[in-house]
Amino acid sequence: QVQLVESGGGLVQAGGSLRLSCAVSGRTGLKYAMGWFRQAPGKEREFVAHVSMGGGSTSYADSVKGRFTISKDNAKNTAYLQMNSLKPEDTAVYYCAARGPTYLTGSADSKDYIYWGQGTQVTVSS
C-alpha cells in the first residue's frame, strides 16, 4: 500500500514563497514519477507540475512556469514543490500524486496517476 502525505501549505502574502513536500511511504523500494495538481473552490482540479521517476525531467503549467519548481529526492522518498512569487490566484488545495511504478515520466493528466495525497491548503492574500 502506497501512501502520500503532503505538508508545507499555509497562508502567505502575495509575492511570498512556500515549499510543499510530499512524503511517499509503503513500497518505498520503488520509485515513482510524480505530479502536483491543485483545485480552487468551484473549479476543476488542474495540473501544476510533474517530474520523472529519476527526477531529471520536469514540466509545468504555463500559469506557474518560472515561479514554481518541482523536484524529488528518491533517497528520502519525497517530492517537493517550491513556489515563489505567489499570487492570490494560486490559492487552492494542492495535491501530490504518483504514477504506477512502471512509468518513467510524469503526466499532465490526472487520470494517469493512481496514488494521491490528501491535499494541503495554500492561501495567498493580496
Foldseek 3Di string as FASTA:
>chain_A
DKAWAKDWADEEAAQAKIKMKIAIDDPLVFFWKKFKWWDDPPGDIFGAKIAFRVFPDMDGDPVQPPFWDWGADSVRRMIMIIGGRDDQVVWTWMKMFTAPRVGGYDDRDPVRTDYIHPTDTHGYHD
